[in-house]
Amino acid sequence: MSTETTPHLRAIRLPHVSEKTGLAASSIWRLAQRGQFPAPIKLSPGCTAWFEHEIDDWLSAKARDRETATECSLGRVPRYV
């Protein structure tokens, strides 16, 4: 029997993504276009959303990057390498 868990799939709209990340809508679209932010999904012709767990993962990666950069600037060995 598999012990893998599937993330709870919750789609969130742009205002919530913006609130959660602190980014303006234009920044979210620009980063997504460059492949530096999770890609949106099309729920219907007039409805675009993002998977919340992908936004959470992106934020976690940013936190790890910050911690690694701080440790490197202090001459310490990064924990997440």
C-alpha atoms as a PDB file:
ATOM      1  CA  MET A   1       0.000   0.000   0.000  1.00  0.00           C
ATOM      2  CA  SER A   2       1.354   3.448  -0.929  1.00  0.00           C
ATOM      3  CA  THR A   3       2.055   5.948   1.827  1.00  0.00           C
ATOM      4  CA  GLU A   4       2.333   8.941  -0.527  1.00  0.00           C
ATOM      5  CA  THR A   5      -0.043  11.778   0.132  1.00  0.00           C
ATOM      6  CA  THR A   6      -1.621  13.923  -2.525  1.00  0.00           C
ATOM      7  CA  PRO A   7      -1.695  17.631  -1.712  1.00  0.00           C
ATOM      8  CA  HIS A   8      -5.124  19.034  -1.026  1.00  0.00           C
ATOM      9  CA  LEU A   9      -5.978  20.766  -4.276  1.00  0.00           C
ATOM     10  CA  ARG A  10      -7.413  24.171  -3.566  1.00  0.00           C
ATOM     11  CA  ALA A  11      -7.574  26.757  -6.318  1.00  0.00           C
ATOM     12  CA  ILE A  12      -7.213  30.393  -5.291  1.00  0.00           C
ATOM     13  CA  ARG A  13      -7.902  33.473  -7.389  1.00  0.00           C
ATOM     14  CA  LEU A  14      -5.540  36.362  -8.075  1.00  0.00           C
ATOM     15  CA  PRO A  15      -6.611  38.659  -5.186  1.00  0.00           C
ATOM     16  CA  HIS A  16      -5.890  35.875  -2.683  1.00  0.00           C
ATOM     17  CA  VAL A  17      -2.564  35.019  -4.374  1.00  0.00           C
ATOM     18  CA  SER A  18      -1.622  38.696  -4.193  1.00  0.00           C
ATOM     19  CA  GLU A  19      -2.620  38.922  -0.525  1.00  0.00           C
ATOM     20  CA  LYS A  20      -0.787  35.713   0.353  1.00  0.00           C
ATOM     21  CA  THR A  21       2.471  36.668  -1.391  1.00  0.00           C
ATOM     22  CA  GLY A  22       2.428  40.430  -0.942  1.00  0.00           C
ATOM     23  CA  LEU A  23       2.983  40.813  -4.702  1.00  0.00           C
ATOM     24  CA  ALA A  24       0.995  43.050  -7.022  1.00  0.00           C
ATOM     25  CA  ALA A  25      -1.075  41.323  -9.681  1.00  0.00           C
ATOM     26  CA  SER A  26       1.235  42.630 -12.412  1.00  0.00           C
ATOM     27  CA  SER A  27       4.267  41.125 -10.651  1.00  0.00           C
ATOM     28  CA  ILE A  28       2.535  37.763 -10.293  1.00  0.00           C
ATOM     29  CA  TRP A  29       1.723  37.652 -14.013  1.00  0.00           C
ATOM     30  CA  ARG A  30       5.233  38.803 -15.005  1.00  0.00           C
ATOM     31  CA  LEU A  31       6.950  36.207 -12.776  1.00  0.00           C
ATOM     32  CA  ALA A  32       4.622  33.433 -14.000  1.00  0.00           C
ATOM     33  CA  GLN A  33       5.364  34.396 -17.609  1.00  0.00           C
ATOM     34  CA  ARG A  34       9.119  34.134 -16.893  1.00  0.00           C
ATOM     35  CA  GLY A  35       8.684  30.738 -15.206  1.00  0.00           C
ATOM     36  CA  GLN A  36       9.698  32.184 -11.820  1.00  0.00           C
ATOM     37  CA  PHE A  37       6.276  31.703 -10.190  1.00  0.00           C
ATOM     38  CA  PRO A  38       3.753  28.854 -10.322  1.00  0.00           C
ATOM     39  CA  ALA A  39       1.752  28.778 -13.531  1.00  0.00           C
ATOM     40  CA  PRO A  40      -1.946  29.561 -13.295  1.00  0.00           C
ATOM     41  CA  ILE A  41      -4.661  27.141 -14.317  1.00  0.00           C
ATOM     42  CA  LYS A  42      -7.700  27.978 -16.398  1.00  0.00           C
ATOM     43  CA  LEU A  43     -10.878  26.898 -14.592  1.00  0.00           C
ATOM     44  CA  SER A  44     -13.203  28.341 -17.218  1.00  0.00           C
ATOM     45  CA  PRO A  45     -12.951  30.875 -20.062  1.00  0.00           C
ATOM     46  CA  GLY A  46     -13.177  33.800 -17.623  1.00  0.00           C
ATOM     47  CA  CYS A  47     -11.667  32.246 -14.519  1.00  0.00           C
ATOM     48  CA  THR A  48      -7.956  31.788 -13.782  1.00  0.00           C
ATOM     49  CA  ALA A  49      -6.566  30.493 -10.497  1.00  0.00           C
ATOM     50  CA  TRP A  50      -3.470  28.999  -8.872  1.00  0.00           C
ATOM     51  CA  PHE A  51      -3.077  25.873  -6.773  1.00  0.00           C
ATOM     52  CA  GLU A  52      -2.593  27.062  -3.215  1.00  0.00           C
ATOM     53  CA  HIS A  53      -0.054  24.355  -2.348  1.00  0.00           C
ATOM     54  CA  GLU A  54       2.148  25.530  -5.253  1.00  0.00           C
ATOM     55  CA  ILE A  55       2.063  29.093  -3.903  1.00  0.00           C
ATOM     56  CA  ASP A  56       2.924  27.746  -0.430  1.00  0.00           C
ATOM     57  CA  ASP A  57       5.833  25.751  -1.896  1.00  0.00           C
ATOM     58  CA  TRP A  58       7.080  28.855  -3.744  1.00  0.00           C
ATOM     59  CA  LEU A  59       6.990  30.889  -0.521  1.00  0.00           C
ATOM     60  CA  SER A  60       8.822  28.115   1.353  1.00  0.00           C
ATOM     61  CA  ALA A  61      11.531  28.059  -1.318  1.00  0.00           C
ATOM     62  CA  LYS A  62      11.934  31.837  -0.987  1.00  0.00           C
ATOM     63  CA  ALA A  63      12.347  31.429   2.783  1.00  0.00           C
ATOM     64  CA  ARG A  64      14.999  28.721   2.271  1.00  0.00           C
ATOM     65  CA  ASP A  65      16.810  30.930  -0.268  1.00  0.00           C
ATOM     66  CA  ARG A  66      16.847  33.777   2.236  1.00  0.00           C
ATOM     67  CA  GLU A  67      18.202  31.558   4.989  1.00  0.00           C
ATOM     68  CA  THR A  68      20.892  30.114   2.725  1.00  0.00           C
ATOM     69  CA  ALA A  69      21.940  33.579   1.527  1.00  0.00           C
ATOM     70  CA  THR A  70      22.121  34.848   5.115  1.00  0.00           C
ATOM     71  CA  GLU A  71      24.237  31.910   6.236  1.00  0.00           C
ATOM     72  CA  CYS A  72      26.598  32.291   3.284  1.00  0.00           C
ATOM     73  CA  SER A  73      27.037  36.012   3.938  1.00  0.00           C
ATOM     74  CA  LEU A  74      27.947  35.196   7.546  1.00  0.00           C
ATOM     75  CA  GLY A  75      30.493  32.594   6.411  1.00  0.00           C
ATOM     76  CA  ARG A  76      28.447  29.640   7.615  1.00  0.00           C
ATOM     77  CA  VAL A  77      27.760  26.429   5.724  1.00  0.00           C
ATOM     78  CA  PRO A  78      24.166  26.396   4.432  1.00  0.00           C
ATOM     79  CA  ARG A  79      21.862  23.730   5.887  1.00  0.00           C
ATOM     80  CA  TYR A  80      19.773  23.318   2.724  1.00  0.00           C
ATOM     81  CA  VAL A  81      22.457  22.473   0.196  1.00  0.00           C
END
